N, C-alpha and C. Protein backbone atom coordinates (compact mmCIF):
# COMPACT_ATOMS: atom_id res chain seq x y z
N MET A 1 0.90 -1.18 0.01
CA MET A 1 0.03 0.03 0.00
C MET A 1 0.87 1.22 0.01
N GLU A 2 0.52 2.16 -0.82
CA GLU A 2 1.35 3.45 -0.93
C GLU A 2 1.05 4.38 0.25
N THR A 3 2.12 4.89 0.83
CA THR A 3 1.93 5.79 1.91
C THR A 3 1.61 7.20 1.39
N VAL A 4 0.58 7.86 1.91
CA VAL A 4 0.18 9.13 1.50
C VAL A 4 0.98 10.15 2.30
N SER A 5 1.68 11.02 1.64
CA SER A 5 2.51 12.07 2.27
C SER A 5 1.72 13.31 2.54
N LEU A 6 2.23 14.14 3.38
CA LEU A 6 1.58 15.45 3.68
C LEU A 6 1.51 16.23 2.40
N ASP A 7 2.50 16.16 1.50
CA ASP A 7 2.43 16.96 0.22
C ASP A 7 1.31 16.49 -0.64
N THR A 8 1.07 15.19 -0.65
CA THR A 8 -0.09 14.66 -1.54
C THR A 8 -1.39 15.17 -0.92
N LEU A 9 -1.53 15.12 0.37
CA LEU A 9 -2.75 15.63 0.99
C LEU A 9 -2.97 17.12 0.74
N THR A 10 -1.87 17.87 0.85
CA THR A 10 -1.96 19.31 0.65
C THR A 10 -2.36 19.58 -0.79
N LYS A 11 -1.85 18.91 -1.75
CA LYS A 11 -2.29 19.06 -3.14
C LYS A 11 -3.66 18.76 -3.35
N LYS A 12 -4.14 17.60 -2.78
CA LYS A 12 -5.52 17.21 -2.94
C LYS A 12 -6.56 18.22 -2.25
N LEU A 13 -6.15 18.82 -1.18
CA LEU A 13 -7.03 19.69 -0.41
C LEU A 13 -6.87 21.09 -0.77
N LYS A 14 -5.94 21.47 -1.63
CA LYS A 14 -5.61 22.79 -1.99
C LYS A 14 -6.84 23.60 -2.29
N ASN A 15 -7.67 23.09 -3.25
CA ASN A 15 -8.87 23.83 -3.66
C ASN A 15 -10.15 23.31 -3.09
N ALA A 16 -10.06 22.51 -2.03
CA ALA A 16 -11.22 21.95 -1.46
C ALA A 16 -12.04 22.96 -0.71
N PRO A 17 -13.37 22.84 -0.68
CA PRO A 17 -14.23 23.72 0.03
C PRO A 17 -13.93 23.64 1.56
N GLN A 18 -14.29 24.63 2.31
CA GLN A 18 -14.06 24.60 3.78
C GLN A 18 -14.78 23.43 4.48
N SER A 19 -15.94 23.03 3.97
CA SER A 19 -16.64 21.92 4.55
C SER A 19 -15.87 20.58 4.44
N VAL A 20 -15.20 20.46 3.29
CA VAL A 20 -14.35 19.21 3.15
C VAL A 20 -13.22 19.28 4.10
N ILE A 21 -12.51 20.43 4.21
CA ILE A 21 -11.37 20.51 5.15
C ILE A 21 -11.83 20.17 6.55
N GLU A 22 -12.99 20.74 6.95
CA GLU A 22 -13.48 20.44 8.29
C GLU A 22 -13.68 18.98 8.50
N ARG A 23 -14.26 18.32 7.47
CA ARG A 23 -14.51 16.92 7.57
C ARG A 23 -13.27 16.05 7.66
N VAL A 24 -12.18 16.49 6.95
CA VAL A 24 -10.90 15.83 7.00
C VAL A 24 -10.30 15.99 8.37
N ILE A 25 -10.36 17.21 8.89
CA ILE A 25 -9.86 17.51 10.26
C ILE A 25 -10.58 16.69 11.28
N GLY A 26 -11.88 16.60 11.14
CA GLY A 26 -12.67 15.73 12.10
C GLY A 26 -12.25 14.33 12.03
N TYR A 27 -12.08 13.81 10.77
CA TYR A 27 -11.64 12.46 10.57
C TYR A 27 -10.30 12.16 11.24
N VAL A 28 -9.37 13.10 11.00
CA VAL A 28 -8.02 12.86 11.60
C VAL A 28 -8.09 12.91 13.13
N ASP A 29 -8.88 13.85 13.72
CA ASP A 29 -9.07 13.96 15.19
C ASP A 29 -9.59 12.61 15.71
N ALA A 30 -10.60 12.07 15.00
CA ALA A 30 -11.23 10.79 15.46
C ALA A 30 -10.24 9.66 15.45
N ILE A 31 -9.42 9.58 14.40
CA ILE A 31 -8.45 8.51 14.31
C ILE A 31 -7.46 8.66 15.47
N MET A 32 -7.03 9.85 15.73
CA MET A 32 -6.01 10.06 16.80
C MET A 32 -6.56 9.70 18.13
N GLU A 33 -7.87 10.01 18.41
CA GLU A 33 -8.47 9.71 19.65
C GLU A 33 -8.58 8.19 19.93
N LYS A 34 -8.78 7.39 18.90
CA LYS A 34 -8.97 5.96 18.98
C LYS A 34 -7.74 5.18 18.82
N ASN A 35 -6.59 5.91 18.87
CA ASN A 35 -5.30 5.23 18.79
C ASN A 35 -5.04 4.48 20.03
N PRO A 36 -4.94 3.16 19.96
CA PRO A 36 -4.76 2.40 21.18
C PRO A 36 -3.35 2.55 21.81
N GLU A 37 -2.45 3.12 20.99
CA GLU A 37 -1.11 3.37 21.48
C GLU A 37 -1.01 4.58 22.39
N SER A 38 -1.91 5.56 22.29
CA SER A 38 -1.82 6.72 23.08
C SER A 38 -2.70 6.54 24.33
N LYS A 39 -2.19 6.88 25.48
CA LYS A 39 -2.83 6.72 26.73
C LYS A 39 -2.83 8.11 27.46
N PRO A 40 -3.90 8.40 28.12
CA PRO A 40 -3.94 9.73 28.86
C PRO A 40 -3.24 9.66 30.23
N TYR A 41 -2.44 8.59 30.47
CA TYR A 41 -1.85 8.40 31.73
C TYR A 41 -0.49 7.72 31.51
N ILE A 42 0.32 7.72 32.54
CA ILE A 42 1.60 6.98 32.49
C ILE A 42 1.63 6.08 33.69
N LEU A 43 2.05 4.82 33.43
CA LEU A 43 2.19 3.82 34.46
C LEU A 43 3.67 3.49 34.63
N ASN A 44 4.03 3.20 35.89
CA ASN A 44 5.38 2.65 36.09
C ASN A 44 5.39 1.17 35.77
N GLU A 45 6.55 0.56 35.76
CA GLU A 45 6.63 -0.86 35.34
C GLU A 45 5.80 -1.75 36.17
N GLU A 46 5.75 -1.52 37.50
CA GLU A 46 4.99 -2.40 38.44
C GLU A 46 3.47 -2.26 38.07
N GLN A 47 3.01 -1.01 37.91
CA GLN A 47 1.58 -0.77 37.62
C GLN A 47 1.25 -1.46 36.30
N GLN A 48 2.09 -1.31 35.27
CA GLN A 48 1.77 -1.87 33.99
C GLN A 48 1.76 -3.37 34.09
N LYS A 49 2.63 -4.04 34.88
CA LYS A 49 2.63 -5.47 35.04
C LYS A 49 1.29 -5.90 35.68
N ILE A 50 0.85 -5.19 36.76
CA ILE A 50 -0.42 -5.52 37.39
C ILE A 50 -1.58 -5.40 36.40
N LEU A 51 -1.58 -4.30 35.64
CA LEU A 51 -2.64 -4.18 34.67
C LEU A 51 -2.60 -5.25 33.57
N ASN A 52 -1.45 -5.60 33.12
CA ASN A 52 -1.31 -6.62 32.16
C ASN A 52 -1.82 -8.03 32.62
N GLU A 53 -1.56 -8.30 33.95
CA GLU A 53 -2.00 -9.57 34.50
C GLU A 53 -3.51 -9.61 34.65
N GLN A 54 -4.21 -8.48 34.70
CA GLN A 54 -5.65 -8.35 34.82
C GLN A 54 -6.41 -8.46 33.51
N VAL A 55 -5.68 -8.32 32.42
CA VAL A 55 -6.40 -8.19 31.16
C VAL A 55 -7.29 -9.42 30.82
N ASN A 56 -6.79 -10.61 31.03
CA ASN A 56 -7.49 -11.82 30.67
C ASN A 56 -8.19 -12.49 31.77
N LEU A 57 -8.45 -11.76 32.88
CA LEU A 57 -9.17 -12.40 34.04
C LEU A 57 -10.63 -12.74 33.62
N ASP A 58 -11.21 -13.76 34.22
CA ASP A 58 -12.54 -14.14 34.10
C ASP A 58 -13.39 -13.04 34.80
N ILE A 59 -14.52 -12.66 34.25
CA ILE A 59 -15.33 -11.65 34.90
C ILE A 59 -15.79 -12.06 36.29
N LYS A 60 -15.80 -13.33 36.58
CA LYS A 60 -16.17 -13.81 37.95
C LYS A 60 -15.11 -13.39 38.95
N GLU A 61 -13.89 -13.02 38.56
CA GLU A 61 -12.82 -12.62 39.44
C GLU A 61 -12.96 -11.19 39.82
N TYR A 62 -13.80 -10.40 39.21
CA TYR A 62 -13.99 -9.00 39.53
C TYR A 62 -14.84 -8.81 40.74
N SER A 63 -14.66 -7.73 41.45
CA SER A 63 -15.53 -7.31 42.58
C SER A 63 -16.37 -6.14 42.18
N LYS A 64 -17.55 -6.03 42.66
CA LYS A 64 -18.39 -4.90 42.41
C LYS A 64 -17.81 -3.66 43.09
N ALA A 65 -17.73 -2.55 42.44
CA ALA A 65 -17.17 -1.34 43.05
C ALA A 65 -17.97 -0.88 44.27
N GLU A 66 -19.25 -1.02 44.23
CA GLU A 66 -20.08 -0.67 45.41
C GLU A 66 -19.76 -1.47 46.60
N LYS A 67 -19.50 -2.78 46.42
CA LYS A 67 -19.16 -3.67 47.50
C LYS A 67 -17.79 -3.39 48.11
N VAL A 68 -16.82 -3.08 47.20
CA VAL A 68 -15.50 -2.67 47.70
C VAL A 68 -15.57 -1.41 48.49
N TYR A 69 -16.34 -0.38 47.99
CA TYR A 69 -16.53 0.82 48.65
C TYR A 69 -17.15 0.66 50.01
N GLU A 70 -18.14 -0.16 50.14
CA GLU A 70 -18.82 -0.44 51.40
C GLU A 70 -17.86 -1.05 52.40
N ASN A 71 -17.10 -2.05 51.91
CA ASN A 71 -16.14 -2.74 52.79
C ASN A 71 -15.11 -1.75 53.29
N LEU A 72 -14.60 -0.83 52.42
CA LEU A 72 -13.61 0.15 52.89
C LEU A 72 -14.20 1.10 53.95
N LYS A 73 -15.46 1.54 53.66
CA LYS A 73 -16.17 2.39 54.66
C LYS A 73 -16.22 1.70 55.97
N ASP A 74 -16.68 0.40 55.99
CA ASP A 74 -16.81 -0.34 57.20
C ASP A 74 -15.45 -0.52 57.95
N LYS A 75 -14.51 -0.86 57.12
CA LYS A 75 -13.08 -1.14 57.73
C LYS A 75 -12.54 0.08 58.37
N TYR A 76 -12.69 1.21 57.71
CA TYR A 76 -12.06 2.47 58.17
C TYR A 76 -13.01 3.35 58.86
N GLU A 77 -14.22 2.92 59.14
CA GLU A 77 -15.25 3.58 59.84
C GLU A 77 -15.49 5.00 59.30
N LEU A 78 -15.65 5.08 57.92
CA LEU A 78 -15.91 6.37 57.32
C LEU A 78 -17.34 6.72 57.29
């Protein structure tokens, strides 16, 4: 597959109407948001290891957040 360069895009969009430019920008923004490589956070190695170990857990292994919250409140008398 041929890689499209910025020059090629610039030439194609040079005389495009504003509505087309806006659609292209929206498309690029959407692609960038869904990029699985970009994360809005940074994990250290230990945190990443813990997260990786949880990826394939059976759903039965999870705890309900409400139950965890109630247990913490009870434990620490909050």
